[in-house]
């Protein structure tokens, strides 16, 4: 039901390379309109401890084609489960939490959260 979204995500994230670089642990954030992937959001973070600037090191890991396939298989399973209870994702923000080990293998767990918006018009 949401297969098209998973395919669009994979295509956009791997279109420039046969590998994929991601943080070891993070959240993928996308926006969907009319059931079609519209935007991908990137986030950076700086950690401040006791008023001192602490740079957060980039812990990127490179996923092989096998790792990419495994990650998107897990994401696909999350979308299938979501579709079985909630239906097709037509509009909203999608957040996918993931973890990858040092060898570039995704842990056998992802979480999908969908946030929809309701717009009001006041006269």
N, C-alpha and C. Protein backbone atom coordinates (compact mmCIF):
# COMPACT_ATOMS: atom_id res chain seq x y z
N UNK A 1 0.83 -1.20 0.00
CA UNK A 1 0.00 0.00 0.00
C UNK A 1 0.87 1.26 0.00
N UNK A 2 1.91 1.30 0.81
CA UNK A 2 2.84 2.43 0.85
C UNK A 2 4.15 2.09 0.15
N UNK A 3 4.14 1.06 -0.67
CA UNK A 3 5.33 0.58 -1.36
C UNK A 3 5.98 1.67 -2.22
N UNK A 4 5.15 2.48 -2.87
CA UNK A 4 5.66 3.54 -3.73
C UNK A 4 6.53 4.52 -2.93
N UNK A 5 6.12 4.84 -1.72
CA UNK A 5 6.91 5.76 -0.89
C UNK A 5 8.27 5.18 -0.55
N UNK A 6 8.31 3.91 -0.20
CA UNK A 6 9.58 3.26 0.14
C UNK A 6 10.50 3.27 -1.08
N UNK A 7 9.96 2.94 -2.25
CA UNK A 7 10.75 2.95 -3.48
C UNK A 7 11.27 4.35 -3.80
N UNK A 8 10.43 5.37 -3.61
CA UNK A 8 10.86 6.75 -3.87
C UNK A 8 11.96 7.17 -2.90
N UNK A 9 11.84 6.78 -1.63
CA UNK A 9 12.88 7.11 -0.65
C UNK A 9 14.21 6.48 -1.03
N UNK A 10 14.17 5.20 -1.35
CA UNK A 10 15.40 4.49 -1.71
C UNK A 10 16.03 5.10 -2.96
N UNK A 11 15.21 5.39 -3.96
CA UNK A 11 15.71 5.98 -5.20
C UNK A 11 16.38 7.33 -4.94
N UNK A 12 15.75 8.18 -4.18
CA UNK A 12 16.31 9.51 -3.91
C UNK A 12 17.57 9.44 -3.06
N UNK A 13 17.61 8.54 -2.11
CA UNK A 13 18.76 8.47 -1.21
C UNK A 13 19.98 7.78 -1.84
N UNK A 14 19.77 7.00 -2.90
CA UNK A 14 20.88 6.27 -3.51
C UNK A 14 21.12 6.66 -4.96
N UNK A 15 20.47 7.72 -5.45
CA UNK A 15 20.56 8.03 -6.88
C UNK A 15 21.95 8.46 -7.34
N UNK A 16 22.78 8.94 -6.45
CA UNK A 16 24.11 9.40 -6.84
C UNK A 16 25.23 8.41 -6.53
N UNK A 17 24.88 7.26 -5.93
CA UNK A 17 25.91 6.32 -5.52
C UNK A 17 25.31 4.94 -5.29
N UNK A 18 26.16 3.93 -5.39
CA UNK A 18 25.68 2.57 -5.09
C UNK A 18 25.81 2.28 -3.60
N UNK A 19 26.41 3.22 -2.84
CA UNK A 19 26.49 3.09 -1.39
C UNK A 19 25.71 4.24 -0.76
N UNK A 20 25.54 4.18 0.53
CA UNK A 20 24.79 5.21 1.25
C UNK A 20 25.51 5.50 2.55
N UNK A 21 25.72 6.78 2.85
CA UNK A 21 26.35 7.19 4.11
C UNK A 21 25.27 7.77 5.02
N UNK A 22 25.21 7.22 6.21
CA UNK A 22 24.25 7.68 7.21
C UNK A 22 24.94 7.76 8.57
N UNK A 23 24.35 8.53 9.47
CA UNK A 23 24.81 8.49 10.85
C UNK A 23 24.52 7.10 11.39
N UNK A 24 25.30 6.67 12.37
CA UNK A 24 25.09 5.33 12.94
C UNK A 24 23.70 5.19 13.55
N UNK A 25 23.21 6.27 14.08
CA UNK A 25 21.88 6.25 14.68
C UNK A 25 21.23 7.57 14.34
N UNK A 26 19.99 7.53 13.91
CA UNK A 26 19.35 8.78 13.55
C UNK A 26 17.91 8.61 13.14
N UNK A 27 17.41 9.70 12.57
CA UNK A 27 16.03 9.75 12.11
C UNK A 27 16.01 10.28 10.70
N UNK A 28 15.37 9.55 9.82
CA UNK A 28 15.12 10.02 8.46
C UNK A 28 13.78 10.76 8.50
N UNK A 29 13.74 11.95 7.93
CA UNK A 29 12.54 12.78 7.99
C UNK A 29 12.14 13.14 6.56
N UNK A 30 10.91 12.78 6.19
CA UNK A 30 10.38 13.04 4.86
C UNK A 30 9.02 13.70 4.97
N UNK A 31 8.61 14.36 3.89
CA UNK A 31 7.27 14.93 3.81
C UNK A 31 6.57 14.36 2.58
N UNK A 32 5.31 13.98 2.76
CA UNK A 32 4.50 13.37 1.70
C UNK A 32 3.28 14.22 1.43
N UNK A 33 2.97 14.40 0.15
CA UNK A 33 1.74 15.09 -0.25
C UNK A 33 1.10 14.29 -1.37
N UNK A 34 -0.19 14.04 -1.27
CA UNK A 34 -0.94 13.26 -2.26
C UNK A 34 -0.31 11.88 -2.48
N UNK A 35 0.23 11.29 -1.42
CA UNK A 35 0.80 9.96 -1.50
C UNK A 35 2.14 9.87 -2.20
N UNK A 36 2.76 11.04 -2.48
CA UNK A 36 4.02 11.09 -3.21
C UNK A 36 5.07 11.79 -2.34
N UNK A 37 6.27 11.24 -2.32
CA UNK A 37 7.37 11.84 -1.57
C UNK A 37 7.68 13.22 -2.13
N UNK A 38 7.71 14.23 -1.27
CA UNK A 38 7.94 15.60 -1.70
C UNK A 38 9.26 16.18 -1.20
N UNK A 39 9.62 15.89 0.07
CA UNK A 39 10.80 16.52 0.67
C UNK A 39 11.53 15.53 1.57
N UNK A 40 12.85 15.74 1.66
CA UNK A 40 13.68 15.04 2.64
C UNK A 40 14.36 16.12 3.46
N UNK A 41 14.33 15.97 4.76
CA UNK A 41 14.92 16.95 5.66
C UNK A 41 16.23 16.42 6.23
N UNK A 42 17.24 17.28 6.31
CA UNK A 42 18.54 16.94 6.91
C UNK A 42 18.68 17.76 8.19
N UNK A 43 19.21 17.14 9.22
CA UNK A 43 19.41 17.84 10.49
C UNK A 43 20.85 17.72 10.93
N UNK A 44 21.35 18.79 11.53
CA UNK A 44 22.66 18.79 12.18
C UNK A 44 22.43 19.23 13.62
N UNK A 45 23.32 18.83 14.49
CA UNK A 45 23.13 19.11 15.90
C UNK A 45 24.45 19.52 16.53
N UNK A 46 24.37 20.47 17.46
CA UNK A 46 25.52 20.86 18.28
C UNK A 46 25.09 20.69 19.72
N UNK A 47 25.95 20.11 20.51
CA UNK A 47 25.64 19.85 21.91
C UNK A 47 26.39 20.86 22.78
N UNK A 48 25.67 21.52 23.69
CA UNK A 48 26.26 22.47 24.63
C UNK A 48 26.15 21.87 26.02
N UNK A 49 27.29 21.73 26.71
CA UNK A 49 27.30 21.15 28.05
C UNK A 49 27.89 22.18 29.01
N UNK A 50 27.15 22.54 30.04
CA UNK A 50 27.59 23.51 31.05
C UNK A 50 28.11 24.80 30.43
N UNK A 51 27.46 25.26 29.39
CA UNK A 51 27.83 26.53 28.77
C UNK A 51 29.00 26.44 27.82
N UNK A 52 29.65 25.29 27.71
CA UNK A 52 30.78 25.12 26.80
C UNK A 52 30.30 24.53 25.49
N UNK A 53 30.93 24.94 24.42
CA UNK A 53 30.62 24.40 23.10
C UNK A 53 31.27 23.03 22.96
N UNK A 54 30.47 22.05 22.67
CA UNK A 54 30.97 20.69 22.46
C UNK A 54 30.53 20.26 21.07
N UNK A 55 31.49 20.05 20.20
CA UNK A 55 31.17 19.60 18.84
C UNK A 55 30.77 18.14 18.87
N UNK A 56 29.72 17.83 18.14
CA UNK A 56 29.28 16.45 18.03
C UNK A 56 29.96 15.82 16.82
N UNK A 57 30.78 14.81 17.01
CA UNK A 57 31.47 14.20 15.87
C UNK A 57 30.49 13.48 14.96
N UNK A 58 30.76 13.56 13.69
CA UNK A 58 29.94 12.84 12.71
C UNK A 58 30.35 11.38 12.73
N UNK A 59 29.44 10.55 13.10
CA UNK A 59 29.71 9.11 13.13
C UNK A 59 29.05 8.45 11.94
N UNK A 60 29.34 8.93 10.75
CA UNK A 60 28.75 8.34 9.56
C UNK A 60 29.32 6.96 9.31
N UNK A 61 28.49 6.12 8.76
CA UNK A 61 28.90 4.78 8.39
C UNK A 61 28.40 4.56 6.96
N UNK A 62 29.17 3.83 6.20
CA UNK A 62 28.80 3.57 4.81
C UNK A 62 28.12 2.22 4.71
N UNK A 63 26.95 2.22 4.08
CA UNK A 63 26.21 0.98 3.88
C UNK A 63 26.50 0.44 2.49
N UNK A 64 26.76 -0.84 2.42
CA UNK A 64 26.94 -1.51 1.13
C UNK A 64 25.56 -1.69 0.49
N UNK A 65 25.55 -2.21 -0.72
CA UNK A 65 24.26 -2.49 -1.37
C UNK A 65 23.44 -3.45 -0.51
N UNK A 66 24.10 -4.43 0.09
CA UNK A 66 23.40 -5.38 0.96
C UNK A 66 22.82 -4.67 2.18
N UNK A 67 23.60 -3.76 2.78
CA UNK A 67 23.13 -2.99 3.93
C UNK A 67 21.97 -2.09 3.57
N UNK A 68 22.04 -1.47 2.38
CA UNK A 68 20.95 -0.62 1.91
C UNK A 68 19.68 -1.44 1.74
N UNK A 69 19.83 -2.61 1.10
CA UNK A 69 18.67 -3.48 0.89
C UNK A 69 18.05 -3.91 2.22
N UNK A 70 18.91 -4.22 3.20
CA UNK A 70 18.41 -4.63 4.51
C UNK A 70 17.67 -3.48 5.20
N UNK A 71 18.24 -2.27 5.16
CA UNK A 71 17.61 -1.10 5.77
C UNK A 71 16.24 -0.85 5.16
N UNK A 72 16.18 -0.85 3.83
CA UNK A 72 14.91 -0.55 3.19
C UNK A 72 13.92 -1.70 3.30
N UNK A 73 14.40 -2.91 3.52
CA UNK A 73 13.50 -4.02 3.81
C UNK A 73 12.84 -3.80 5.18
N UNK A 74 13.63 -3.36 6.16
CA UNK A 74 13.07 -3.05 7.48
C UNK A 74 12.08 -1.90 7.39
N UNK A 75 12.43 -0.86 6.63
CA UNK A 75 11.53 0.28 6.45
C UNK A 75 10.24 -0.17 5.76
N UNK A 76 10.38 -1.01 4.74
CA UNK A 76 9.20 -1.53 4.03
C UNK A 76 8.28 -2.28 4.99
N UNK A 77 8.86 -3.10 5.87
CA UNK A 77 8.06 -3.83 6.85
C UNK A 77 7.30 -2.87 7.77
N UNK A 78 7.96 -1.79 8.17
CA UNK A 78 7.30 -0.80 9.03
C UNK A 78 6.14 -0.14 8.28
N UNK A 79 6.34 0.14 6.99
CA UNK A 79 5.28 0.75 6.20
C UNK A 79 4.12 -0.21 5.99
N UNK A 80 4.42 -1.49 5.80
CA UNK A 80 3.36 -2.50 5.65
C UNK A 80 2.53 -2.55 6.93
N UNK A 81 3.19 -2.61 8.07
CA UNK A 81 2.48 -2.65 9.35
C UNK A 81 1.63 -1.40 9.54
N UNK A 82 2.18 -0.25 9.19
CA UNK A 82 1.42 0.99 9.30
C UNK A 82 0.21 0.94 8.38
N UNK A 83 0.41 0.49 7.15
CA UNK A 83 -0.68 0.43 6.18
C UNK A 83 -1.80 -0.50 6.61
N UNK A 84 -1.45 -1.60 7.28
CA UNK A 84 -2.47 -2.54 7.73
C UNK A 84 -3.39 -1.95 8.78
N UNK A 85 -2.88 -1.02 9.57
CA UNK A 85 -3.71 -0.43 10.63
C UNK A 85 -4.25 0.95 10.27
N UNK A 86 -3.45 1.73 9.55
CA UNK A 86 -3.83 3.13 9.28
C UNK A 86 -4.14 3.41 7.81
N UNK A 87 -3.67 2.56 6.90
CA UNK A 87 -3.91 2.79 5.48
C UNK A 87 -2.76 3.49 4.80
N UNK A 88 -3.02 3.98 3.62
CA UNK A 88 -2.01 4.64 2.81
C UNK A 88 -1.67 6.01 3.38
N UNK A 89 -0.40 6.35 3.34
CA UNK A 89 0.04 7.67 3.80
C UNK A 89 -0.15 8.64 2.65
N UNK A 90 -1.07 9.56 2.80
CA UNK A 90 -1.38 10.52 1.75
C UNK A 90 -0.71 11.87 1.99
N UNK A 91 -0.61 12.27 3.26
CA UNK A 91 -0.12 13.61 3.56
C UNK A 91 0.46 13.62 4.97
N UNK A 92 1.63 14.22 5.12
CA UNK A 92 2.20 14.39 6.45
C UNK A 92 3.70 14.18 6.47
N UNK A 93 4.24 14.27 7.65
CA UNK A 93 5.67 14.08 7.89
C UNK A 93 5.90 12.64 8.34
N UNK A 94 6.94 12.02 7.82
CA UNK A 94 7.31 10.66 8.21
C UNK A 94 8.67 10.72 8.88
N UNK A 95 8.78 10.08 10.03
CA UNK A 95 10.03 10.00 10.78
C UNK A 95 10.37 8.52 10.93
N UNK A 96 11.56 8.14 10.48
CA UNK A 96 11.99 6.76 10.55
C UNK A 96 13.26 6.70 11.40
N UNK A 97 13.16 6.08 12.57
CA UNK A 97 14.32 5.93 13.45
C UNK A 97 15.02 4.63 13.10
N UNK A 98 16.36 4.68 13.07
CA UNK A 98 17.15 3.51 12.69
C UNK A 98 18.44 3.50 13.48
N UNK A 99 19.13 2.35 13.47
CA UNK A 99 20.48 2.21 14.04
C UNK A 99 21.28 1.30 13.13
N UNK A 100 22.56 1.63 12.96
CA UNK A 100 23.46 0.86 12.10
C UNK A 100 24.73 0.57 12.89
N UNK A 101 25.24 -0.65 12.78
CA UNK A 101 26.47 -0.98 13.51
C UNK A 101 27.70 -0.48 12.75
N UNK A 102 28.87 -0.66 13.34
CA UNK A 102 30.12 -0.14 12.75
C UNK A 102 30.47 -0.77 11.41
N UNK A 103 29.93 -1.94 11.14
CA UNK A 103 30.21 -2.62 9.87
C UNK A 103 29.23 -2.23 8.77
N UNK A 104 28.29 -1.32 9.08
CA UNK A 104 27.33 -0.89 8.07
C UNK A 104 26.12 -1.78 7.94
N UNK A 105 25.83 -2.56 8.98
CA UNK A 105 24.66 -3.43 8.96
C UNK A 105 23.58 -2.82 9.85
N UNK A 106 22.40 -2.59 9.29
CA UNK A 106 21.31 -2.04 10.11
C UNK A 106 20.89 -3.04 11.19
N UNK A 107 20.63 -2.52 12.39
CA UNK A 107 20.07 -3.36 13.44
C UNK A 107 18.68 -3.79 12.98
N UNK A 108 18.22 -4.92 13.46
CA UNK A 108 16.97 -5.49 12.99
C UNK A 108 15.77 -4.77 13.62
N UNK A 109 15.77 -3.43 13.53
CA UNK A 109 14.68 -2.67 14.15
C UNK A 109 14.65 -1.26 13.57
N UNK A 110 13.49 -0.83 13.11
CA UNK A 110 13.26 0.56 12.76
C UNK A 110 11.90 0.95 13.33
N UNK A 111 11.69 2.23 13.50
CA UNK A 111 10.41 2.73 13.98
C UNK A 111 9.92 3.79 13.01
N UNK A 112 8.65 3.73 12.67
CA UNK A 112 8.03 4.70 11.76
C UNK A 112 7.00 5.50 12.54
N UNK A 113 7.10 6.81 12.42
CA UNK A 113 6.12 7.71 13.04
C UNK A 113 5.63 8.64 11.95
N UNK A 114 4.31 8.78 11.83
CA UNK A 114 3.71 9.65 10.84
C UNK A 114 2.97 10.76 11.57
N UNK A 115 3.28 12.01 11.22
CA UNK A 115 2.63 13.16 11.83
C UNK A 115 1.86 13.88 10.75
N UNK A 116 0.55 13.96 10.92
CA UNK A 116 -0.28 14.68 9.96
C UNK A 116 -0.59 16.07 10.49
N UNK A 117 -1.00 16.92 9.60
CA UNK A 117 -1.34 18.29 9.96
C UNK A 117 -2.80 18.54 9.65
N UNK A 118 -3.41 19.34 10.46
CA UNK A 118 -4.78 19.77 10.19
C UNK A 118 -4.75 21.29 10.14
N UNK A 119 -5.10 21.83 9.00
CA UNK A 119 -5.07 23.28 8.80
C UNK A 119 -6.44 23.86 9.04
N UNK A 120 -6.48 24.99 9.72
CA UNK A 120 -7.74 25.67 10.01
C UNK A 120 -7.75 27.01 9.31
N UNK A 121 -8.91 27.41 8.86
CA UNK A 121 -9.06 28.72 8.25
C UNK A 121 -10.09 29.49 9.05
N UNK A 122 -9.65 30.61 9.58
CA UNK A 122 -10.54 31.45 10.40
C UNK A 122 -10.94 32.65 9.57
N UNK A 123 -12.21 33.00 9.64
CA UNK A 123 -12.66 34.17 8.88
C UNK A 123 -12.74 35.40 9.74
